[in-house]
Amino acid sequence: MPVPKKKTSKSKRGMRRSHDALTQVNVSVCPNCQEPKLPHKVCLSCGFYGDKEVISVEEE
């Protein structure tokens, strides 16, 4: 099993890990009920996608 011949410097290690950072989730507002929702997804609180009702949601 091969082992590293030289120590990896902090700079090289950091450059390799530069794409590992977490990104913040984008949240948009539902145009129908003003609740936060993920973009390009059906609103889970009212069931609308844009101006069309896609799923029926029961009211509690």
Protein backbone atom coordinates (compact mmCIF):
# COMPACT_ATOMS: atom_id res chain seq x y z
CA MET A 1 0.00 0.00 0.00
CA PRO A 2 1.58 3.31 -1.04
CA VAL A 3 1.98 6.03 1.54
CA PRO A 4 2.48 9.77 0.96
CA LYS A 5 6.14 10.63 0.40
CA LYS A 6 5.81 14.23 1.60
CA LYS A 7 3.61 16.14 3.99
CA THR A 8 0.71 17.96 2.35
CA SER A 9 1.02 21.66 3.15
CA LYS A 10 -1.80 23.67 4.70
CA SER A 11 -2.13 25.59 1.45
CA LYS A 12 -2.56 22.48 -0.74
CA ARG A 13 -4.95 20.95 1.80
CA GLY A 14 -7.00 24.16 1.86
CA MET A 15 -7.10 24.38 -1.94
CA ARG A 16 -8.37 20.80 -2.13
CA ARG A 17 -11.07 21.56 0.43
CA SER A 18 -12.12 24.85 -1.17
CA HIS A 19 -15.22 23.27 -2.75
CA ASP A 20 -16.36 21.49 0.42
CA ALA A 21 -18.00 24.54 2.02
CA LEU A 22 -21.72 24.37 2.78
CA THR A 23 -24.00 26.73 0.88
CA GLN A 24 -27.07 28.40 2.33
CA VAL A 25 -30.44 27.08 1.12
CA ASN A 26 -32.35 29.53 -1.06
CA VAL A 27 -35.85 30.16 0.24
CA SER A 28 -38.51 31.98 -1.75
CA VAL A 29 -41.97 33.18 -0.74
CA CYS A 30 -45.15 31.52 -1.96
CA PRO A 31 -47.11 34.04 -4.06
CA ASN A 32 -50.41 32.59 -2.83
CA CYS A 33 -50.03 32.25 0.96
CA GLN A 34 -46.77 34.17 1.61
CA GLU A 35 -45.19 31.16 3.38
CA PRO A 36 -41.52 30.31 2.82
CA LYS A 37 -40.91 27.51 0.32
CA LEU A 38 -38.11 26.04 -1.76
CA PRO A 39 -37.87 27.49 -5.29
CA HIS A 40 -39.34 25.39 -8.13
CA LYS A 41 -41.26 23.22 -5.63
CA VAL A 42 -44.94 23.00 -4.68
CA CYS A 43 -45.83 24.99 -1.57
CA LEU A 44 -46.51 22.50 1.21
CA SER A 45 -48.81 24.81 3.15
CA CYS A 46 -51.30 25.67 0.37
CA GLY A 47 -50.52 23.19 -2.45
CA PHE A 48 -49.99 25.83 -5.13
CA TYR A 49 -47.21 25.97 -7.72
CA GLY A 50 -47.25 29.48 -9.15
CA ASP A 51 -50.91 30.31 -9.71
CA LYS A 52 -52.15 26.70 -10.11
CA GLU A 53 -53.33 24.38 -7.36
CA VAL A 54 -51.36 21.18 -7.85
CA ILE A 55 -52.19 19.25 -4.68
CA SER A 56 -55.06 19.62 -2.25
CA VAL A 57 -53.97 20.29 1.33
CA GLU A 58 -56.28 19.56 4.25
CA GLU A 59 -56.99 22.45 6.61
CA GLU A 60 -56.62 21.60 10.30
